[in-house]
């Protein structure tokens, strides 16, 4: 029982590390895409969106 729990925690830890690594790869590309979108939009459109 104890060994199963240890294996489970190791699997979870590896999964969390993989998820963080994937996110660290994905998030910068998303930020770059957002920057490109903001640059292509007319100035102030994305910043001064009216809040309703």
PDB file of N, CA and C in Angstrom:
ATOM      1  N   UNK A   1       0.849  -1.205   0.000  1.00  0.00           N
ATOM      2  CA  UNK A   1       0.000   0.000   0.000  1.00  0.00           C
ATOM      3  C   UNK A   1       0.886   1.257   0.000  1.00  0.00           C
ATOM      4  N   UNK A   2       1.871   1.271   0.892  1.00  0.00           N
ATOM      5  CA  UNK A   2       2.745   2.433   0.975  1.00  0.00           C
ATOM      6  C   UNK A   2       3.515   2.674  -0.308  1.00  0.00           C
ATOM      7  N   UNK A   3       4.002   1.581  -0.919  1.00  0.00           N
ATOM      8  CA  UNK A   3       4.773   1.745  -2.155  1.00  0.00           C
ATOM      9  C   UNK A   3       3.888   2.289  -3.271  1.00  0.00           C
ATOM     10  N   UNK A   4       2.619   1.835  -3.308  1.00  0.00           N
ATOM     11  CA  UNK A   4       1.680   2.340  -4.321  1.00  0.00           C
ATOM     12  C   UNK A   4       1.506   3.853  -4.157  1.00  0.00           C
ATOM     13  N   UNK A   5       1.365   4.304  -2.902  1.00  0.00           N
ATOM     14  CA  UNK A   5       1.194   5.735  -2.641  1.00  0.00           C
ATOM     15  C   UNK A   5       2.433   6.502  -3.083  1.00  0.00           C
ATOM     16  N   UNK A   6       3.618   5.951  -2.802  1.00  0.00           N
ATOM     17  CA  UNK A   6       4.848   6.634  -3.199  1.00  0.00           C
ATOM     18  C   UNK A   6       4.912   6.747  -4.716  1.00  0.00           C
ATOM     19  N   UNK A   7       4.567   5.648  -5.422  1.00  0.00           N
ATOM     20  CA  UNK A   7       4.580   5.689  -6.886  1.00  0.00           C
ATOM     21  C   UNK A   7       3.571   6.711  -7.397  1.00  0.00           C
ATOM     22  N   UNK A   8       2.393   6.779  -6.765  1.00  0.00           N
ATOM     23  CA  UNK A   8       1.367   7.738  -7.164  1.00  0.00           C
ATOM     24  C   UNK A   8       1.871   9.169  -7.000  1.00  0.00           C
ATOM     25  N   UNK A   9       2.485   9.451  -5.839  1.00  0.00           N
ATOM     26  CA  UNK A   9       2.966  10.816  -5.596  1.00  0.00           C
ATOM     27  C   UNK A   9       4.061  11.182  -6.590  1.00  0.00           C
ATOM     28  N   UNK A  10       4.927  10.198  -6.924  1.00  0.00           N
ATOM     29  CA  UNK A  10       5.982  10.471  -7.910  1.00  0.00           C
ATOM     30  C   UNK A  10       5.356  10.763  -9.262  1.00  0.00           C
ATOM     31  N   UNK A  11       4.338   9.975  -9.650  1.00  0.00           N
ATOM     32  CA  UNK A  11       3.657  10.216 -10.923  1.00  0.00           C
ATOM     33  C   UNK A  11       3.034  11.608 -10.942  1.00  0.00           C
ATOM     34  N   UNK A  12       2.367  11.975  -9.837  1.00  0.00           N
ATOM     35  CA  UNK A  12       1.723  13.290  -9.768  1.00  0.00           C
ATOM     36  C   UNK A  12       2.759  14.404  -9.866  1.00  0.00           C
ATOM     37  N   UNK A  13       3.886  14.195  -9.172  1.00  0.00           N
ATOM     38  CA  UNK A  13       4.938  15.219  -9.188  1.00  0.00           C
ATOM     39  C   UNK A  13       5.476  15.400 -10.607  1.00  0.00           C
ATOM     40  N   UNK A  14       5.719  14.283 -11.282  1.00  0.00           N
ATOM     41  CA  UNK A  14       6.222  14.356 -12.662  1.00  0.00           C
ATOM     42  C   UNK A  14       5.196  15.047 -13.552  1.00  0.00           C
ATOM     43  N   UNK A  15       3.925  14.731 -13.337  1.00  0.00           N
ATOM     44  CA  UNK A  15       2.867  15.339 -14.157  1.00  0.00           C
ATOM     45  C   UNK A  15       2.814  16.845 -13.931  1.00  0.00           C
ATOM     46  N   UNK A  16       2.931  17.262 -12.653  1.00  0.00           N
ATOM     47  CA  UNK A  16       2.913  18.701 -12.335  1.00  0.00           C
ATOM     48  C   UNK A  16       4.103  19.399 -12.991  1.00  0.00           C
ATOM     49  N   UNK A  17       5.275  18.778 -12.911  1.00  0.00           N
ATOM     50  CA  UNK A  17       6.479  19.380 -13.522  1.00  0.00           C
ATOM     51  C   UNK A  17       6.291  19.503 -15.024  1.00  0.00           C
ATOM     52  N   UNK A  18       5.733  18.439 -15.647  1.00  0.00           N
ATOM     53  CA  UNK A  18       5.494  18.483 -17.092  1.00  0.00           C
ATOM     54  C   UNK A  18       4.494  19.581 -17.436  1.00  0.00           C
ATOM     55  N   UNK A  19       3.422  19.694 -16.633  1.00  0.00           N
ATOM     56  CA  UNK A  19       2.414  20.726 -16.890  1.00  0.00           C
ATOM     57  C   UNK A  19       3.031  22.121 -16.782  1.00  0.00           C
ATOM     58  N   UNK A  20       3.825  22.338 -15.740  1.00  0.00           N
ATOM     59  CA  UNK A  20       4.467  23.659 -15.576  1.00  0.00           C
ATOM     60  C   UNK A  20       5.394  23.955 -16.748  1.00  0.00           C
ATOM     61  N   UNK A  21       6.125  22.933 -17.188  1.00  0.00           N
ATOM     62  CA  UNK A  21       7.049  23.120 -18.313  1.00  0.00           C
ATOM     63  C   UNK A  21       6.281  23.462 -19.575  1.00  0.00           C
ATOM     64  N   UNK A  22       5.171  22.724 -19.813  1.00  0.00           N
ATOM     65  CA  UNK A  22       4.332  23.008 -20.980  1.00  0.00           C
ATOM     66  C   UNK A  22       3.784  24.434 -20.909  1.00  0.00           C
ATOM     67  N   UNK A  23       3.297  24.820 -19.722  1.00  0.00           N
ATOM     68  CA  UNK A  23       2.737  26.163 -19.567  1.00  0.00           C
ATOM     69  C   UNK A  23       3.813  27.224 -19.800  1.00  0.00           C
ATOM     70  N   UNK A  24       5.008  26.987 -19.291  1.00  0.00           N
ATOM     71  CA  UNK A  24       6.092  27.961 -19.486  1.00  0.00           C
ATOM     72  C   UNK A  24       6.462  28.062 -20.960  1.00  0.00           C
ATOM     73  N   UNK A  25       6.206  26.992 -21.726  1.00  0.00           N
ATOM     74  CA  UNK A  25       6.442  27.066 -23.170  1.00  0.00           C
ATOM     75  C   UNK A  25       5.285  27.753 -23.865  1.00  0.00           C
ATOM     76  N   UNK A  26       4.036  27.471 -23.414  1.00  0.00           N
ATOM     77  CA  UNK A  26       2.850  27.962 -24.125  1.00  0.00           C
ATOM     78  C   UNK A  26       2.593  29.440 -23.829  1.00  0.00           C
ATOM     79  N   UNK A  27       2.718  29.843 -22.562  1.00  0.00           N
ATOM     80  CA  UNK A  27       2.330  31.199 -22.158  1.00  0.00           C
ATOM     81  C   UNK A  27       3.125  32.280 -22.897  1.00  0.00           C
ATOM     82  N   UNK A  28       4.457  32.168 -23.032  1.00  0.00           N
ATOM     83  CA  UNK A  28       5.176  33.211 -23.774  1.00  0.00           C
ATOM     84  C   UNK A  28       4.687  33.368 -25.207  1.00  0.00           C
ATOM     85  N   UNK A  29       4.350  32.269 -25.884  1.00  0.00           N
ATOM     86  CA  UNK A  29       3.854  32.377 -27.258  1.00  0.00           C
ATOM     87  C   UNK A  29       2.512  33.087 -27.268  1.00  0.00           C
ATOM     88  N   UNK A  30       1.658  32.810 -26.260  1.00  0.00           N
ATOM     89  CA  UNK A  30       0.372  33.495 -26.175  1.00  0.00           C
ATOM     90  C   UNK A  30       0.586  34.988 -25.949  1.00  0.00           C
ATOM     91  N   UNK A  31       1.539  35.335 -25.071  1.00  0.00           N
ATOM     92  CA  UNK A  31       1.827  36.748 -24.810  1.00  0.00           C
ATOM     93  C   UNK A  31       2.313  37.436 -26.082  1.00  0.00           C
ATOM     94  N   UNK A  32       3.174  36.747 -26.846  1.00  0.00           N
ATOM     95  CA  UNK A  32       3.675  37.327 -28.095  1.00  0.00           C
ATOM     96  C   UNK A  32       2.520  37.536 -29.070  1.00  0.00           C
ATOM     97  N   UNK A  33       1.605  36.555 -29.151  1.00  0.00           N
ATOM     98  CA  UNK A  33       0.455  36.692 -30.039  1.00  0.00           C
ATOM     99  C   UNK A  33      -0.407  37.876 -29.610  1.00  0.00           C
ATOM    100  N   UNK A  34      -0.610  38.033 -28.292  1.00  0.00           N
ATOM    101  CA  UNK A  34      -1.398  39.165 -27.794  1.00  0.00           C
ATOM    102  C   UNK A  34      -0.726  40.487 -28.154  1.00  0.00           C
ATOM    103  N   UNK A  35       0.585  40.557 -28.001  1.00  0.00           N
ATOM    104  CA  UNK A  35       1.311  41.776 -28.344  1.00  0.00           C
ATOM    105  C   UNK A  35       1.141  42.095 -29.827  1.00  0.00           C
ATOM    106  N   UNK A  36       1.268  41.065 -30.671  1.00  0.00           N
ATOM    107  CA  UNK A  36       1.124  41.275 -32.115  1.00  0.00           C
ATOM    108  C   UNK A  36      -0.293  41.757 -32.423  1.00  0.00           C
ATOM    109  N   UNK A  37      -1.296  41.157 -31.779  1.00  0.00           N
ATOM    110  CA  UNK A  37      -2.680  41.578 -32.004  1.00  0.00           C
ATOM    111  C   UNK A  37      -2.871  43.030 -31.581  1.00  0.00           C
ATOM    112  N   UNK A  38      -2.313  43.398 -30.429  1.00  0.00           N
ATOM    113  CA  UNK A  38      -2.453  44.773 -29.940  1.00  0.00           C
ATOM    114  C   UNK A  38      -1.754  45.748 -30.883  1.00  0.00           C
ATOM    115  N   UNK A  39      -0.611  45.341 -31.431  1.00  0.00           N
ATOM    116  CA  UNK A  39       0.114  46.217 -32.341  1.00  0.00           C
ATOM    117  C   UNK A  39      -0.667  46.409 -33.636  1.00  0.00           C
ATOM    118  N   UNK A  40      -1.362  45.359 -34.085  1.00  0.00           N
ATOM    119  CA  UNK A  40      -2.096  45.464 -35.348  1.00  0.00           C
ATOM    120  C   UNK A  40      -3.392  46.251 -35.185  1.00  0.00           C
ATOM    121  N   UNK A  41      -3.930  46.307 -33.960  1.00  0.00           N
ATOM    122  CA  UNK A  41      -5.176  47.038 -33.751  1.00  0.00           C
ATOM    123  C   UNK A  41      -4.913  48.539 -33.751  1.00  0.00           C
ATOM    124  N   UNK A  42      -5.940  49.331 -34.052  1.00  0.00           N
ATOM    125  CA  UNK A  42      -5.802  50.791 -33.909  1.00  0.00           C
ATOM    126  C   UNK A  42      -5.438  51.152 -32.472  1.00  0.00           C
ATOM    127  N   UNK A  43      -4.571  52.121 -32.310  1.00  0.00           N
ATOM    128  CA  UNK A  43      -4.043  52.443 -30.980  1.00  0.00           C
ATOM    129  C   UNK A  43      -5.165  52.834 -30.027  1.00  0.00           C
ATOM    130  N   UNK A  44      -5.116  52.289 -28.802  1.00  0.00           N
ATOM    131  CA  UNK A  44      -6.089  52.637 -27.772  1.00  0.00           C
ATOM    132  C   UNK A  44      -7.327  51.769 -27.796  1.00  0.00           C
ATOM    133  N   UNK A  45      -7.558  51.003 -28.869  1.00  0.00           N
ATOM    134  CA  UNK A  45      -8.786  50.209 -28.949  1.00  0.00           C
ATOM    135  C   UNK A  45      -8.789  49.129 -27.869  1.00  0.00           C
ATOM    136  N   UNK A  46      -7.658  48.414 -27.743  1.00  0.00           N
ATOM    137  CA  UNK A  46      -7.615  47.305 -26.791  1.00  0.00           C
ATOM    138  C   UNK A  46      -7.465  47.822 -25.361  1.00  0.00           C
ATOM    139  N   UNK A  47      -6.876  49.016 -25.184  1.00  0.00           N
ATOM    140  CA  UNK A  47      -6.637  49.537 -23.839  1.00  0.00           C
ATOM    141  C   UNK A  47      -7.878  50.228 -23.288  1.00  0.00           C
ATOM    142  N   UNK A  48      -8.601  50.958 -24.124  1.00  0.00           N
ATOM    143  CA  UNK A  48      -9.719  51.760 -23.647  1.00  0.00           C
ATOM    144  C   UNK A  48     -11.066  51.141 -24.033  1.00  0.00           C
ATOM    145  N   UNK A  49     -11.168  49.824 -23.895  1.00  0.00           N
ATOM    146  CA  UNK A  49     -12.449  49.181 -24.179  1.00  0.00           C
ATOM    147  C   UNK A  49     -13.474  49.649 -23.160  1.00  0.00           C
ATOM    148  N   UNK A  50     -14.649  50.098 -23.605  1.00  0.00           N
ATOM    149  CA  UNK A  50     -15.665  50.564 -22.649  1.00  0.00           C
ATOM    150  C   UNK A  50     -16.170  49.409 -21.792  1.00  0.00           C
ATOM    151  N   UNK A  51     -16.178  49.602 -20.473  1.00  0.00           N
ATOM    152  CA  UNK A  51     -16.665  48.574 -19.546  1.00  0.00           C
ATOM    153  C   UNK A  51     -18.151  48.803 -19.324  1.00  0.00           C
ATOM    154  N   UNK A  52     -18.936  47.802 -19.611  1.00  0.00           N
ATOM    155  CA  UNK A  52     -20.389  47.951 -19.464  1.00  0.00           C
ATOM    156  C   UNK A  52     -20.888  47.194 -18.251  1.00  0.00           C
TER     157      UNK A  52
END
